[in-house]
Amino acid sequence: MALPTTCPRCDTALARGHIAGQAVYLNWIAEGESVGLTALGNEHLATGSLFRPPMLAAVRCGSCGLGVFEA
């Protein structure tokens, strides 16, 4: 499924980009769960390496702030 080009909330054009981590993993933490000291055991949405951070393709609305990512 392709990322949308207009915001589903306010119908403004979306800016394309990435959500990037600063370590080896970018993780999903469900609401109500704590992050803990490490990311081990969490659901990894993207992995990287020492030379490239984990990234997810994403779009963001500059008007209302809604973001959509592809995992």
N, C-alpha and C. Protein backbone atom coordinates (compact mmCIF):
# COMPACT_ATOMS: atom_id res chain seq x y z
N MET A 1 0.84 -1.18 0.00
CA MET A 1 0.00 0.00 0.00
C MET A 1 0.89 1.24 0.00
N ALA A 2 0.61 2.17 -0.88
CA ALA A 2 1.39 3.40 -0.96
C ALA A 2 0.96 4.37 0.13
N LEU A 3 1.90 5.21 0.55
CA LEU A 3 1.58 6.24 1.52
C LEU A 3 0.68 7.29 0.88
N PRO A 4 -0.23 7.89 1.64
CA PRO A 4 -1.13 8.89 1.07
C PRO A 4 -0.37 10.16 0.69
N THR A 5 -0.96 10.97 -0.19
CA THR A 5 -0.36 12.23 -0.60
C THR A 5 -1.07 13.42 0.03
N THR A 6 -2.29 13.21 0.52
CA THR A 6 -3.02 14.27 1.23
C THR A 6 -3.44 13.76 2.60
N CYS A 7 -3.52 14.66 3.54
CA CYS A 7 -3.84 14.32 4.93
C CYS A 7 -5.28 13.81 5.04
N PRO A 8 -5.48 12.63 5.66
CA PRO A 8 -6.84 12.12 5.84
C PRO A 8 -7.64 12.92 6.87
N ARG A 9 -6.96 13.73 7.66
CA ARG A 9 -7.64 14.53 8.68
C ARG A 9 -8.08 15.90 8.15
N CYS A 10 -7.17 16.60 7.43
CA CYS A 10 -7.50 17.97 7.03
C CYS A 10 -7.34 18.22 5.53
N ASP A 11 -6.99 17.21 4.75
CA ASP A 11 -6.89 17.27 3.29
C ASP A 11 -5.78 18.19 2.77
N THR A 12 -4.75 18.45 3.58
CA THR A 12 -3.59 19.23 3.17
C THR A 12 -2.56 18.29 2.55
N ALA A 13 -1.72 18.80 1.64
CA ALA A 13 -0.66 17.99 1.05
C ALA A 13 0.31 17.54 2.14
N LEU A 14 0.76 16.28 2.05
CA LEU A 14 1.68 15.71 3.04
C LEU A 14 3.12 15.81 2.56
N ALA A 15 4.03 16.04 3.50
CA ALA A 15 5.47 16.07 3.22
C ALA A 15 6.01 14.65 3.39
N ARG A 16 6.81 14.19 2.42
CA ARG A 16 7.41 12.85 2.50
C ARG A 16 8.70 12.91 3.29
N GLY A 17 9.04 11.82 3.95
CA GLY A 17 10.28 11.75 4.72
C GLY A 17 10.44 10.38 5.33
N HIS A 18 11.17 10.32 6.45
CA HIS A 18 11.43 9.07 7.15
C HIS A 18 11.35 9.29 8.65
N ILE A 19 11.00 8.26 9.37
CA ILE A 19 11.15 8.23 10.82
C ILE A 19 12.42 7.43 11.05
N ALA A 20 13.40 8.05 11.71
CA ALA A 20 14.70 7.40 11.87
C ALA A 20 15.04 7.24 13.34
N GLY A 21 15.65 6.13 13.69
CA GLY A 21 16.13 5.90 15.04
C GLY A 21 17.58 6.34 15.14
N GLN A 22 18.10 6.36 16.35
CA GLN A 22 19.49 6.77 16.54
C GLN A 22 20.36 5.62 17.02
N ALA A 23 19.80 4.46 17.10
CA ALA A 23 20.57 3.28 17.49
C ALA A 23 20.31 2.21 16.44
N VAL A 24 20.42 0.97 16.78
CA VAL A 24 20.27 -0.10 15.81
C VAL A 24 18.81 -0.45 15.53
N TYR A 25 17.89 -0.19 16.47
CA TYR A 25 16.49 -0.58 16.29
C TYR A 25 15.56 0.62 16.41
N LEU A 26 14.46 0.54 15.69
CA LEU A 26 13.33 1.44 15.87
C LEU A 26 12.18 0.54 16.28
N ASN A 27 11.62 0.75 17.45
CA ASN A 27 10.67 -0.19 18.04
C ASN A 27 9.29 0.39 18.19
N TRP A 28 8.30 -0.49 18.19
CA TRP A 28 6.92 -0.15 18.50
C TRP A 28 6.70 -0.43 19.98
N ILE A 29 6.26 0.58 20.71
CA ILE A 29 5.90 0.42 22.11
C ILE A 29 4.43 0.77 22.23
N ALA A 30 3.60 -0.17 22.57
CA ALA A 30 2.16 0.07 22.68
C ALA A 30 1.85 1.02 23.83
N GLU A 31 0.78 1.77 23.68
CA GLU A 31 0.36 2.69 24.72
C GLU A 31 0.13 1.93 26.02
N GLY A 32 0.64 2.46 27.10
CA GLY A 32 0.50 1.83 28.41
C GLY A 32 1.67 0.93 28.79
N GLU A 33 2.51 0.57 27.82
CA GLU A 33 3.69 -0.25 28.12
C GLU A 33 4.89 0.66 28.34
N SER A 34 5.80 0.24 29.21
CA SER A 34 7.00 1.04 29.45
C SER A 34 8.09 0.63 28.46
N VAL A 35 8.96 1.56 28.17
CA VAL A 35 10.06 1.30 27.25
C VAL A 35 11.08 0.37 27.89
N GLY A 36 11.37 0.55 29.15
CA GLY A 36 12.38 -0.25 29.83
C GLY A 36 13.79 0.25 29.53
N LEU A 37 14.77 -0.45 30.03
CA LEU A 37 16.15 -0.03 29.85
C LEU A 37 16.70 -0.35 28.46
N THR A 38 16.18 -1.40 27.83
CA THR A 38 16.66 -1.78 26.50
C THR A 38 15.46 -2.04 25.59
N ALA A 39 15.73 -2.11 24.32
CA ALA A 39 14.68 -2.40 23.34
C ALA A 39 14.53 -3.89 23.09
N LEU A 40 15.31 -4.70 23.75
CA LEU A 40 15.25 -6.14 23.53
C LEU A 40 13.89 -6.68 23.90
N GLY A 41 13.34 -7.52 23.06
CA GLY A 41 12.05 -8.13 23.31
C GLY A 41 10.87 -7.34 22.78
N ASN A 42 11.11 -6.11 22.32
CA ASN A 42 10.04 -5.31 21.73
C ASN A 42 9.93 -5.63 20.25
N GLU A 43 8.83 -5.22 19.65
CA GLU A 43 8.63 -5.44 18.22
C GLU A 43 9.46 -4.44 17.42
N HIS A 44 10.41 -4.95 16.65
CA HIS A 44 11.27 -4.08 15.84
C HIS A 44 10.55 -3.70 14.56
N LEU A 45 10.33 -2.40 14.34
CA LEU A 45 9.70 -1.93 13.12
C LEU A 45 10.72 -1.78 12.00
N ALA A 46 11.96 -1.50 12.36
CA ALA A 46 13.04 -1.36 11.39
C ALA A 46 14.35 -1.64 12.09
N THR A 47 15.29 -2.14 11.34
CA THR A 47 16.63 -2.36 11.89
C THR A 47 17.64 -1.59 11.05
N GLY A 48 18.71 -1.22 11.67
CA GLY A 48 19.79 -0.51 10.99
C GLY A 48 21.10 -1.19 11.30
N SER A 49 22.15 -0.43 11.26
CA SER A 49 23.48 -0.94 11.58
C SER A 49 24.26 0.18 12.25
N LEU A 50 25.52 -0.06 12.52
CA LEU A 50 26.35 0.99 13.10
C LEU A 50 26.56 2.14 12.13
N PHE A 51 26.37 1.89 10.83
CA PHE A 51 26.63 2.89 9.81
C PHE A 51 25.37 3.52 9.22
N ARG A 52 24.19 2.91 9.44
CA ARG A 52 22.94 3.43 8.90
C ARG A 52 21.85 3.25 9.95
N PRO A 53 21.21 4.34 10.39
CA PRO A 53 20.16 4.19 11.40
C PRO A 53 18.92 3.52 10.82
N PRO A 54 18.08 2.93 11.66
CA PRO A 54 16.82 2.36 11.17
C PRO A 54 15.91 3.50 10.72
N MET A 55 15.21 3.28 9.60
CA MET A 55 14.32 4.31 9.07
C MET A 55 13.04 3.68 8.54
N LEU A 56 11.94 4.41 8.64
CA LEU A 56 10.66 4.01 8.07
C LEU A 56 10.21 5.12 7.13
N ALA A 57 9.70 4.75 5.96
CA ALA A 57 9.11 5.73 5.06
C ALA A 57 7.90 6.34 5.74
N ALA A 58 7.73 7.65 5.62
CA ALA A 58 6.63 8.32 6.32
C ALA A 58 6.22 9.58 5.58
N VAL A 59 5.01 10.04 5.89
CA VAL A 59 4.52 11.34 5.42
C VAL A 59 3.98 12.08 6.64
N ARG A 60 4.04 13.42 6.58
CA ARG A 60 3.61 14.22 7.73
C ARG A 60 2.88 15.46 7.25
N CYS A 61 1.83 15.82 7.96
CA CYS A 61 1.05 17.01 7.64
C CYS A 61 1.61 18.19 8.43
N GLY A 62 2.08 19.21 7.73
CA GLY A 62 2.59 20.40 8.39
C GLY A 62 1.49 21.26 8.99
N SER A 63 0.26 21.03 8.58
CA SER A 63 -0.86 21.83 9.06
C SER A 63 -1.42 21.32 10.39
N CYS A 64 -1.79 20.04 10.44
CA CYS A 64 -2.41 19.51 11.67
C CYS A 64 -1.48 18.59 12.47
N GLY A 65 -0.32 18.21 11.89
CA GLY A 65 0.65 17.40 12.63
C GLY A 65 0.47 15.90 12.52
N LEU A 66 -0.55 15.42 11.83
CA LEU A 66 -0.75 13.98 11.69
C LEU A 66 0.38 13.37 10.87
N GLY A 67 0.88 12.23 11.30
CA GLY A 67 1.91 11.51 10.58
C GLY A 67 1.46 10.10 10.26
N VAL A 68 1.90 9.57 9.12
CA VAL A 68 1.57 8.21 8.71
C VAL A 68 2.88 7.55 8.31
N PHE A 69 3.15 6.35 8.81
CA PHE A 69 4.36 5.65 8.43
C PHE A 69 4.04 4.27 7.93
N GLU A 70 4.99 3.70 7.19
CA GLU A 70 4.84 2.37 6.62
C GLU A 70 5.82 1.44 7.32
N ALA A 71 5.30 0.39 7.97
CA ALA A 71 6.18 -0.52 8.70
C ALA A 71 6.12 -1.90 8.10
